[in-house]
Amino acid sequence: MSEFLFRDVHFRDTPFLKRFWQSVFPHSESALGAFFESYVDIHLTALAQSQSKLAAMGYLFPVGDLIQPGKPDLQCALMYGIAVEPEYRNRGLGTQVVERLLQIAEKHRFGAVLVRPENEALFKLYERGSMQTAFGYGEKSVDTATLPATSATLVRLDAEQYRVRRNALLKGTAHVAFDRRALLFQSRLLGDGGLFAVVGADGTEFGVAAVELDDGALAIKEYLGSDEDAAVQAIAQNFGVTSLTVRTRGETPFGLANVPFNGYMGFAFD
C-alpha cells in the first residue's frame, strides 16, 4: 500500500493548497492570485497526502483547442502547478500526480493534455510516461543597438482582441488556439507589460506581442508576425529598454502532449 493517499479535493482544501503553492513557488505571487481566482476547479485538481500532511498537488485548466489542419480540433487542458514537498521528492510522487491528472482529464473528456516542463530533466521524466514532445520554440537575447530604427508603434489589446489576431496569424498551422480566459490569465502574468498589436507608420499591423515587464526586465513572451526586428525595436522603444529576450516559433523543445503532435504552443503561463 502506498504511503501517499490521493483523494477528492474539497473547497475547504483551498487555503492549504494556497499555502503549499506559496511554499514551493515563492516567486510567483501574481500567478497564485490570478490562478486561484480564475482557474482552480476542485474537480480538475490532484491532491496527495501523507498521513495528515499535504504531500503533492497538481492542476488541470482548460486552455482552448489543439488545432491540426485536416483533423478534428481537440479541447485541451494544461497540467500546471505540479509540486511535491521537498521531503517526499525522488519517490515517484510527481509521476503519480501526472498519472492522476491524466485520469482526471480522461474522465472530463479532454481530447489532449499539455505540459511545459521547467527543465530538460523533466522532459525526459514525462517522456517515460504517456507524454511526448509536441511543441517547439525559439528564444534569443537582443541588444536593440543592433537593430534599425523604426516608426512602428504599439496598440494595447484586450484578451479577446489578441485571441482573434493570434488565431489569424496561426491559421493553417498546427498550434494551440488559446481561448479568451487563458489569454486573460496570461495578461495578468505580464506585470507592467501587456498584450499588443505592433503597427507600422502607415497603419499596417506587423503582428502581435505579449510583453512582460518585471522589475525593469523586459521579455517578449510571444511574437507572431512579420518584420520581427522592427517589432522588437518598437517594443523596446515603448518601454525604454535597450536589451530584452524574445520568444518566437522555433525547433527547441518547449512542451509535451499526450497525443502525437508537432506544432506551436507559445505560452507556458510562467
C-alpha atoms as a PDB file:
ATOM      1  CA  MET A   1       0.000   0.000   0.000  1.00  0.00           C
ATOM      2  CA  SER A   2       1.326   3.426  -0.952  1.00  0.00           C
ATOM      3  CA  GLU A   3       2.252   5.836   1.848  1.00  0.00           C
ATOM      4  CA  PHE A   4       0.506   8.565  -0.161  1.00  0.00           C
ATOM      5  CA  LEU A   5      -3.255   8.926  -0.416  1.00  0.00           C
ATOM      6  CA  PHE A   6      -4.841  10.593  -3.420  1.00  0.00           C
ATOM      7  CA  ARG A   7      -8.316  11.803  -2.520  1.00  0.00           C
ATOM      8  CA  ASP A   8     -11.083  14.029  -3.783  1.00  0.00           C
ATOM      9  CA  VAL A   9     -10.442  17.742  -3.316  1.00  0.00           C
ATOM     10  CA  HIS A  10     -12.879  19.868  -1.298  1.00  0.00           C
ATOM     11  CA  PHE A  11     -13.409  23.618  -1.094  1.00  0.00           C
ATOM     12  CA  ARG A  12     -12.020  23.551   2.431  1.00  0.00           C
ATOM     13  CA  ASP A  13      -8.672  22.437   0.967  1.00  0.00           C
ATOM     14  CA  THR A  14      -8.181  25.759  -0.839  1.00  0.00           C
ATOM     15  CA  PRO A  15      -6.322  27.596   1.964  1.00  0.00           C
ATOM     16  CA  PHE A  16      -3.930  24.645   2.341  1.00  0.00           C
ATOM     17  CA  LEU A  17      -3.327  24.474  -1.408  1.00  0.00           C
ATOM     18  CA  LYS A  18      -2.584  28.206  -1.490  1.00  0.00           C
ATOM     19  CA  ARG A  19      -0.081  27.908   1.358  1.00  0.00           C
ATOM     20  CA  PHE A  20       1.562  24.940  -0.344  1.00  0.00           C
ATOM     21  CA  TRP A  21       1.791  26.936  -3.594  1.00  0.00           C
ATOM     22  CA  GLN A  22       3.472  29.827  -1.759  1.00  0.00           C
ATOM     23  CA  SER A  23       5.988  27.471  -0.145  1.00  0.00           C
ATOM     24  CA  VAL A  24       7.109  25.820  -3.397  1.00  0.00           C
ATOM     25  CA  PHE A  25       6.628  28.752  -5.820  1.00  0.00           C
ATOM     26  CA  PRO A  26       7.627  31.721  -3.621  1.00  0.00           C
ATOM     27  CA  HIS A  27       8.440  33.899  -6.645  1.00  0.00           C
ATOM     28  CA  SER A  28       5.016  33.663  -8.249  1.00  0.00           C
ATOM     29  CA  GLU A  29       2.607  35.586  -6.026  1.00  0.00           C
ATOM     30  CA  SER A  30       0.884  37.087  -9.076  1.00  0.00           C
ATOM     31  CA  ALA A  31       0.333  33.647 -10.573  1.00  0.00           C
ATOM     32  CA  LEU A  32      -1.111  32.411  -7.276  1.00  0.00           C
ATOM     33  CA  GLY A  33      -3.736  35.130  -7.136  1.00  0.00           C
ATOM     34  CA  ALA A  34      -4.655  35.006 -10.803  1.00  0.00           C
ATOM     35  CA  PHE A  35      -4.791  31.228 -10.957  1.00  0.00           C
ATOM     36  CA  PHE A  36      -6.841  30.622  -7.825  1.00  0.00           C
ATOM     37  CA  GLU A  37      -9.247  33.423  -8.688  1.00  0.00           C
ATOM     38  CA  SER A  38      -9.769  32.390 -12.299  1.00  0.00           C
ATOM     39  CA  TYR A  39      -8.998  28.747 -12.790  1.00  0.00           C
ATOM     40  CA  VAL A  40      -8.839  26.394  -9.851  1.00  0.00           C
ATOM     41  CA  ASP A  41     -11.556  23.792 -10.230  1.00  0.00           C
ATOM     42  CA  ILE A  42     -11.594  21.240  -7.416  1.00  0.00           C
ATOM     43  CA  HIS A  43     -12.776  18.618  -9.900  1.00  0.00           C
ATOM     44  CA  LEU A  44      -9.637  19.168 -12.000  1.00  0.00           C
ATOM     45  CA  THR A  45      -7.180  19.119  -9.080  1.00  0.00           C
ATOM     46  CA  ALA A  46      -4.947  16.303  -7.845  1.00  0.00           C
ATOM     47  CA  LEU A  47      -4.023  16.227  -4.177  1.00  0.00           C
ATOM     48  CA  ALA A  48      -1.875  13.687  -2.331  1.00  0.00           C
ATOM     49  CA  GLN A  49      -1.490  13.385   1.429  1.00  0.00           C
ATOM     50  CA  SER A  50       0.960  11.602   3.662  1.00  0.00           C
ATOM     51  CA  GLN A  51      -0.984  10.958   6.852  1.00  0.00           C
ATOM     52  CA  SER A  52      -2.439  14.417   7.602  1.00  0.00           C
ATOM     53  CA  LYS A  53       0.114  16.471   5.650  1.00  0.00           C
ATOM     54  CA  LEU A  54      -0.251  17.724   2.081  1.00  0.00           C
ATOM     55  CA  ALA A  55       2.455  15.999   0.070  1.00  0.00           C
ATOM     56  CA  ALA A  56       1.821  16.932  -3.568  1.00  0.00           C
ATOM     57  CA  MET A  57      -0.554  18.792  -5.829  1.00  0.00           C
ATOM     58  CA  GLY A  58      -1.268  19.394  -9.486  1.00  0.00           C
ATOM     59  CA  TYR A  59      -3.905  21.166 -11.534  1.00  0.00           C
ATOM     60  CA  LEU A  60      -5.559  20.971 -14.915  1.00  0.00           C
ATOM     61  CA  PHE A  61      -7.006  24.015 -16.549  1.00  0.00           C
ATOM     62  CA  PRO A  62      -8.785  24.195 -19.899  1.00  0.00           C
ATOM     63  CA  VAL A  63      -6.894  26.492 -22.262  1.00  0.00           C
ATOM     64  CA  GLY A  64      -8.569  26.120 -25.650  1.00  0.00           C
ATOM     65  CA  ASP A  65      -8.177  23.795 -28.619  1.00  0.00           C
ATOM     66  CA  LEU A  66      -5.379  21.826 -30.211  1.00  0.00           C
ATOM     67  CA  ILE A  67      -5.562  22.631 -33.930  1.00  0.00           C
ATOM     68  CA  GLN A  68      -4.220  20.352 -36.661  1.00  0.00           C
ATOM     69  CA  PRO A  69      -5.217  21.203 -40.236  1.00  0.00           C
ATOM     70  CA  GLY A  70      -7.206  18.356 -41.743  1.00  0.00           C
ATOM     71  CA  LYS A  71      -8.031  16.792 -38.366  1.00  0.00           C
ATOM     72  CA  PRO A  72     -10.717  17.442 -35.742  1.00  0.00           C
ATOM     73  CA  ASP A  73      -9.911  20.077 -33.141  1.00  0.00           C
ATOM     74  CA  LEU A  74      -9.228  18.703 -29.667  1.00  0.00           C
ATOM     75  CA  GLN A  75     -10.258  20.506 -26.499  1.00  0.00           C
ATOM     76  CA  CYS A  76      -7.152  20.599 -24.347  1.00  0.00           C
ATOM     77  CA  ALA A  77      -6.118  21.189 -20.759  1.00  0.00           C
ATOM     78  CA  LEU A  78      -2.736  22.208 -19.389  1.00  0.00           C
ATOM     79  CA  MET A  79      -1.107  20.484 -16.424  1.00  0.00           C
ATOM     80  CA  TYR A  80       0.028  23.281 -14.133  1.00  0.00           C
ATOM     81  CA  GLY A  81       1.424  23.917 -10.679  1.00  0.00           C
ATOM     82  CA  ILE A  82       2.668  20.361 -10.166  1.00  0.00           C
ATOM     83  CA  ALA A  83       4.658  20.302  -6.940  1.00  0.00           C
ATOM     84  CA  VAL A  84       5.941  17.824  -4.349  1.00  0.00           C
ATOM     85  CA  GLU A  85       7.002  18.654  -0.790  1.00  0.00           C
ATOM     86  CA  PRO A  86      10.834  18.518  -0.593  1.00  0.00           C
ATOM     87  CA  GLU A  87      10.827  15.694   1.952  1.00  0.00           C
ATOM     88  CA  TYR A  88       8.784  13.497  -0.395  1.00  0.00           C
ATOM     89  CA  ARG A  89      10.739  14.057  -3.589  1.00  0.00           C
ATOM     90  CA  ASN A  90      12.558  11.321  -5.533  1.00  0.00           C
ATOM     91  CA  ARG A  91       9.916   8.770  -4.571  1.00  0.00           C
ATOM     92  CA  GLY A  92       7.935   8.852  -7.797  1.00  0.00           C
ATOM     93  CA  LEU A  93       5.188  11.011  -6.324  1.00  0.00           C
ATOM     94  CA  GLY A  94       5.412  13.598  -9.109  1.00  0.00           C
ATOM     95  CA  THR A  95       4.837  10.839 -11.653  1.00  0.00           C
ATOM     96  CA  GLN A  96       1.792   9.709  -9.688  1.00  0.00           C
ATOM     97  CA  VAL A  97       0.416  13.265  -9.752  1.00  0.00           C
ATOM     98  CA  VAL A  98       0.803  13.344 -13.538  1.00  0.00           C
ATOM     99  CA  GLU A  99      -0.944   9.979 -13.876  1.00  0.00           C
ATOM    100  CA  ARG A 100      -3.757  11.195 -11.657  1.00  0.00           C
ATOM    101  CA  LEU A 101      -4.196  14.338 -13.760  1.00  0.00           C
ATOM    102  CA  LEU A 102      -4.318  12.280 -16.947  1.00  0.00           C
ATOM    103  CA  GLN A 103      -7.052  10.138 -15.402  1.00  0.00           C
ATOM    104  CA  ILE A 104      -8.985  13.259 -14.440  1.00  0.00           C
ATOM    105  CA  ALA A 105      -8.583  14.620 -17.980  1.00  0.00           C
ATOM    106  CA  GLU A 106      -9.933  11.400 -19.461  1.00  0.00           C
ATOM    107  CA  LYS A 107     -12.898  11.449 -17.061  1.00  0.00           C
ATOM    108  CA  HIS A 108     -13.728  15.009 -18.129  1.00  0.00           C
ATOM    109  CA  ARG A 109     -13.237  14.153 -21.814  1.00  0.00           C
ATOM    110  CA  PHE A 110     -10.390  16.434 -22.718  1.00  0.00           C
ATOM    111  CA  GLY A 111      -9.032  15.401 -26.095  1.00  0.00           C
ATOM    112  CA  ALA A 112      -5.446  16.361 -25.209  1.00  0.00           C
ATOM    113  CA  VAL A 113      -3.354  17.222 -22.168  1.00  0.00           C
ATOM    114  CA  LEU A 114      -0.344  19.556 -22.401  1.00  0.00           C
ATOM    115  CA  VAL A 115       2.561  20.309 -20.100  1.00  0.00           C
ATOM    116  CA  ARG A 116       5.530  22.688 -20.171  1.00  0.00           C
ATOM    117  CA  PRO A 117       8.413  21.226 -18.090  1.00  0.00           C
ATOM    118  CA  GLU A 118      10.719  23.593 -16.226  1.00  0.00           C
ATOM    119  CA  ASN A 119      13.912  21.864 -17.358  1.00  0.00           C
ATOM    120  CA  GLU A 120      15.375  19.217 -19.659  1.00  0.00           C
ATOM    121  CA  ALA A 121      15.450  16.552 -16.951  1.00  0.00           C
ATOM    122  CA  LEU A 122      11.690  16.862 -16.545  1.00  0.00           C
ATOM    123  CA  PHE A 123      11.215  16.457 -20.299  1.00  0.00           C
ATOM    124  CA  LYS A 124      12.864  13.055 -20.013  1.00  0.00           C
ATOM    125  CA  LEU A 125      10.743  12.174 -16.995  1.00  0.00           C
ATOM    126  CA  TYR A 126       7.480  12.977 -18.787  1.00  0.00           C
ATOM    127  CA  GLU A 127       8.596  11.082 -21.885  1.00  0.00           C
ATOM    128  CA  ARG A 128       8.939   7.903 -19.817  1.00  0.00           C
ATOM    129  CA  GLY A 129       5.179   8.009 -19.420  1.00  0.00           C
ATOM    130  CA  SER A 130       2.494   8.724 -21.991  1.00  0.00           C
ATOM    131  CA  MET A 131       3.658  12.242 -22.882  1.00  0.00           C
ATOM    132  CA  GLN A 132       5.729  13.126 -25.941  1.00  0.00           C
ATOM    133  CA  THR A 133       7.447  16.288 -27.127  1.00  0.00           C
ATOM    134  CA  ALA A 134       4.931  18.132 -29.284  1.00  0.00           C
ATOM    135  CA  PHE A 135       5.845  21.836 -29.333  1.00  0.00           C
ATOM    136  CA  GLY A 136       8.889  23.895 -30.233  1.00  0.00           C
ATOM    137  CA  TYR A 137      10.000  27.482 -29.763  1.00  0.00           C
ATOM    138  CA  GLY A 138      12.891  29.858 -30.298  1.00  0.00           C
ATOM    139  CA  GLU A 139      14.303  32.280 -27.739  1.00  0.00           C
ATOM    140  CA  LYS A 140      17.079  34.821 -28.016  1.00  0.00           C
ATOM    141  CA  SER A 141      18.514  37.841 -26.244  1.00  0.00           C
ATOM    142  CA  VAL A 142      18.531  41.071 -28.238  1.00  0.00           C
ATOM    143  CA  ASP A 143      20.596  44.242 -27.946  1.00  0.00           C
ATOM    144  CA  THR A 144      18.456  46.852 -29.674  1.00  0.00           C
ATOM    145  CA  ALA A 145      21.538  48.843 -30.690  1.00  0.00           C
ATOM    146  CA  THR A 146      21.991  46.209 -33.408  1.00  0.00           C
ATOM    147  CA  LEU A 147      18.502  46.824 -34.825  1.00  0.00           C
ATOM    148  CA  PRO A 148      17.471  49.560 -37.282  1.00  0.00           C
ATOM    149  CA  ALA A 149      15.331  52.447 -36.030  1.00  0.00           C
ATOM    150  CA  THR A 150      11.583  52.130 -36.588  1.00  0.00           C
ATOM    151  CA  SER A 151       8.495  54.303 -36.608  1.00  0.00           C
ATOM    152  CA  ALA A 152       6.275  51.362 -35.640  1.00  0.00           C
ATOM    153  CA  THR A 153       4.162  51.768 -32.503  1.00  0.00           C
ATOM    154  CA  LEU A 154       2.201  49.594 -30.087  1.00  0.00           C
ATOM    155  CA  VAL A 155      -1.554  49.384 -29.640  1.00  0.00           C
ATOM    156  CA  ARG A 156      -2.739  47.720 -26.449  1.00  0.00           C
ATOM    157  CA  LEU A 157      -5.157  44.802 -26.919  1.00  0.00           C
ATOM    158  CA  ASP A 158      -7.538  43.063 -24.589  1.00  0.00           C
ATOM    159  CA  ALA A 159      -7.554  39.261 -24.377  1.00  0.00           C
ATOM    160  CA  GLU A 160     -10.293  38.787 -26.974  1.00  0.00           C
ATOM    161  CA  GLN A 161      -8.660  41.152 -29.480  1.00  0.00           C
ATOM    162  CA  TYR A 162      -5.358  39.333 -29.030  1.00  0.00           C
ATOM    163  CA  ARG A 163      -7.063  35.956 -29.459  1.00  0.00           C
ATOM    164  CA  VAL A 164      -8.643  36.949 -32.778  1.00  0.00           C
ATOM    165  CA  ARG A 165      -5.392  38.325 -34.210  1.00  0.00           C
ATOM    166  CA  ARG A 166      -3.337  35.401 -32.903  1.00  0.00           C
ATOM    167  CA  ASN A 167      -5.679  32.857 -34.493  1.00  0.00           C
ATOM    168  CA  ALA A 168      -5.498  34.700 -37.820  1.00  0.00           C
ATOM    169  CA  LEU A 169      -1.684  34.713 -37.760  1.00  0.00           C
ATOM    170  CA  LEU A 170      -1.576  30.979 -36.954  1.00  0.00           C
ATOM    171  CA  LYS A 171      -4.293  29.937 -39.420  1.00  0.00           C
ATOM    172  CA  GLY A 172      -3.341  26.861 -41.411  1.00  0.00           C
ATOM    173  CA  THR A 173      -0.679  25.718 -38.934  1.00  0.00           C
ATOM    174  CA  ALA A 174      -0.675  23.182 -36.122  1.00  0.00           C
ATOM    175  CA  HIS A 175      -0.980  25.105 -32.864  1.00  0.00           C
ATOM    176  CA  VAL A 176      -2.738  25.636 -29.561  1.00  0.00           C
ATOM    177  CA  ALA A 177      -5.591  28.101 -30.028  1.00  0.00           C
ATOM    178  CA  PHE A 178      -5.830  29.612 -26.560  1.00  0.00           C
ATOM    179  CA  ASP A 179      -9.260  30.810 -25.526  1.00  0.00           C
ATOM    180  CA  ARG A 180     -10.078  34.233 -24.100  1.00  0.00           C
ATOM    181  CA  ARG A 181      -9.896  33.109 -20.471  1.00  0.00           C
ATOM    182  CA  ALA A 182      -6.439  31.595 -20.906  1.00  0.00           C
ATOM    183  CA  LEU A 183      -5.187  34.775 -22.561  1.00  0.00           C
ATOM    184  CA  LEU A 184      -6.730  36.891 -19.841  1.00  0.00           C
ATOM    185  CA  PHE A 185      -4.820  34.808 -17.300  1.00  0.00           C
ATOM    186  CA  GLN A 186      -1.637  35.247 -19.334  1.00  0.00           C
ATOM    187  CA  SER A 187      -2.162  39.013 -19.462  1.00  0.00           C
ATOM    188  CA  ARG A 188      -2.320  39.102 -15.669  1.00  0.00           C
ATOM    189  CA  LEU A 189       1.098  37.442 -15.505  1.00  0.00           C
ATOM    190  CA  LEU A 190       2.762  40.095 -17.671  1.00  0.00           C
ATOM    191  CA  GLY A 191       3.330  42.593 -14.857  1.00  0.00           C
ATOM    192  CA  ASP A 192       3.605  46.117 -16.207  1.00  0.00           C
ATOM    193  CA  GLY A 193       3.653  44.840 -19.789  1.00  0.00           C
ATOM    194  CA  GLY A 194       0.620  43.603 -21.695  1.00  0.00           C
ATOM    195  CA  LEU A 195      -0.823  42.298 -24.944  1.00  0.00           C
ATOM    196  CA  PHE A 196      -0.145  44.449 -28.013  1.00  0.00           C
ATOM    197  CA  ALA A 197      -0.503  44.809 -31.747  1.00  0.00           C
ATOM    198  CA  VAL A 198       2.599  46.231 -33.474  1.00  0.00           C
ATOM    199  CA  VAL A 199       1.516  48.815 -36.044  1.00  0.00           C
ATOM    200  CA  GLY A 200       3.560  50.455 -38.783  1.00  0.00           C
ATOM    201  CA  ALA A 201       3.527  54.173 -39.620  1.00  0.00           C
ATOM    202  CA  ASP A 202       1.001  53.510 -42.403  1.00  0.00           C
ATOM    203  CA  GLY A 203      -1.357  51.691 -40.043  1.00  0.00           C
ATOM    204  CA  THR A 204      -0.403  48.192 -41.189  1.00  0.00           C
ATOM    205  CA  GLU A 205      -0.209  45.645 -38.383  1.00  0.00           C
ATOM    206  CA  PHE A 206       3.062  43.678 -38.309  1.00  0.00           C
ATOM    207  CA  GLY A 207       1.874  41.219 -35.680  1.00  0.00           C
ATOM    208  CA  VAL A 208       1.079  40.696 -32.010  1.00  0.00           C
ATOM    209  CA  ALA A 209       3.257  40.527 -28.928  1.00  0.00           C
ATOM    210  CA  ALA A 210       2.815  39.501 -25.303  1.00  0.00           C
ATOM    211  CA  VAL A 211       5.244  41.662 -23.349  1.00  0.00           C
ATOM    212  CA  GLU A 212       6.317  41.002 -19.769  1.00  0.00           C
ATOM    213  CA  LEU A 213       7.895  43.781 -17.729  1.00  0.00           C
ATOM    214  CA  ASP A 214       9.045  42.722 -14.279  1.00  0.00           C
ATOM    215  CA  ASP A 215      11.439  44.782 -12.126  1.00  0.00           C
ATOM    216  CA  GLY A 216      12.724  46.553 -15.232  1.00  0.00           C
ATOM    217  CA  ALA A 217      13.450  43.323 -17.138  1.00  0.00           C
ATOM    218  CA  LEU A 218      11.621  43.077 -20.460  1.00  0.00           C
ATOM    219  CA  ALA A 219      10.706  39.783 -22.114  1.00  0.00           C
ATOM    220  CA  ILE A 220       8.566  39.249 -25.187  1.00  0.00           C
ATOM    221  CA  LYS A 221       6.813  36.021 -24.219  1.00  0.00           C
ATOM    222  CA  GLU A 222       5.427  35.639 -27.720  1.00  0.00           C
ATOM    223  CA  TYR A 223       5.881  37.460 -31.013  1.00  0.00           C
ATOM    224  CA  LEU A 224       3.892  36.416 -34.065  1.00  0.00           C
ATOM    225  CA  GLY A 225       4.047  38.360 -37.296  1.00  0.00           C
ATOM    226  CA  SER A 226       6.362  39.888 -39.874  1.00  0.00           C
ATOM    227  CA  ASP A 227       9.328  42.291 -39.596  1.00  0.00           C
ATOM    228  CA  GLU A 228      10.433  40.955 -36.247  1.00  0.00           C
ATOM    229  CA  ASP A 229      13.329  43.445 -35.945  1.00  0.00           C
ATOM    230  CA  ALA A 230      11.012  46.442 -36.323  1.00  0.00           C
ATOM    231  CA  ALA A 231       8.539  44.941 -33.863  1.00  0.00           C
ATOM    232  CA  VAL A 232      11.210  44.270 -31.258  1.00  0.00           C
ATOM    233  CA  GLN A 233      12.650  47.768 -31.670  1.00  0.00           C
ATOM    234  CA  ALA A 234       9.174  49.304 -31.325  1.00  0.00           C
ATOM    235  CA  ILE A 235       8.552  47.356 -28.113  1.00  0.00           C
ATOM    236  CA  ALA A 236      11.961  48.304 -26.693  1.00  0.00           C
ATOM    237  CA  GLN A 237      11.397  51.986 -27.522  1.00  0.00           C
ATOM    238  CA  ASN A 238       7.937  51.949 -25.968  1.00  0.00           C
ATOM    239  CA  PHE A 239       9.281  50.583 -22.682  1.00  0.00           C
ATOM    240  CA  GLY A 240      12.589  52.455 -22.721  1.00  0.00           C
ATOM    241  CA  VAL A 241      14.930  49.463 -22.666  1.00  0.00           C
ATOM    242  CA  THR A 242      17.932  48.503 -24.779  1.00  0.00           C
ATOM    243  CA  SER A 243      18.044  44.754 -24.131  1.00  0.00           C
ATOM    244  CA  LEU A 244      15.366  42.101 -23.883  1.00  0.00           C
ATOM    245  CA  THR A 245      14.557  38.474 -24.661  1.00  0.00           C
ATOM    246  CA  VAL A 246      12.226  37.320 -27.422  1.00  0.00           C
ATOM    247  CA  ARG A 247      10.282  34.072 -27.832  1.00  0.00           C
ATOM    248  CA  THR A 248       9.070  33.071 -31.278  1.00  0.00           C
ATOM    249  CA  ARG A 249       8.344  29.896 -33.220  1.00  0.00           C
ATOM    250  CA  GLY A 250      11.294  27.510 -33.421  1.00  0.00           C
ATOM    251  CA  GLU A 251      12.589  23.985 -33.001  1.00  0.00           C
ATOM    252  CA  THR A 252      13.820  23.936 -29.387  1.00  0.00           C
ATOM    253  CA  PRO A 253      11.579  21.596 -27.332  1.00  0.00           C
ATOM    254  CA  PHE A 254       9.012  23.636 -25.429  1.00  0.00           C
ATOM    255  CA  GLY A 255       6.200  21.345 -24.289  1.00  0.00           C
ATOM    256  CA  LEU A 256       4.658  17.898 -24.427  1.00  0.00           C
ATOM    257  CA  ALA A 257       1.247  16.409 -25.126  1.00  0.00           C
ATOM    258  CA  ASN A 258      -0.345  13.033 -24.547  1.00  0.00           C
ATOM    259  CA  VAL A 259      -1.272  12.792 -28.236  1.00  0.00           C
ATOM    260  CA  PRO A 260       1.019  12.829 -31.295  1.00  0.00           C
ATOM    261  CA  PHE A 261       1.524  16.440 -32.329  1.00  0.00           C
ATOM    262  CA  ASN A 262       4.106  18.718 -33.886  1.00  0.00           C
ATOM    263  CA  GLY A 263       3.294  22.411 -33.729  1.00  0.00           C
ATOM    264  CA  TYR A 264       3.325  25.663 -31.807  1.00  0.00           C
ATOM    265  CA  MET A 265       2.140  26.314 -28.251  1.00  0.00           C
ATOM    266  CA  GLY A 266       3.531  29.739 -27.404  1.00  0.00           C
ATOM    267  CA  PHE A 267       2.569  30.351 -23.793  1.00  0.00           C
ATOM    268  CA  ALA A 268       3.604  28.428 -20.709  1.00  0.00           C
ATOM    269  CA  PHE A 269       1.966  30.783 -18.185  1.00  0.00           C
ATOM    270  CA  ASP A 270       5.325  31.132 -16.470  1.00  0.00           C
END
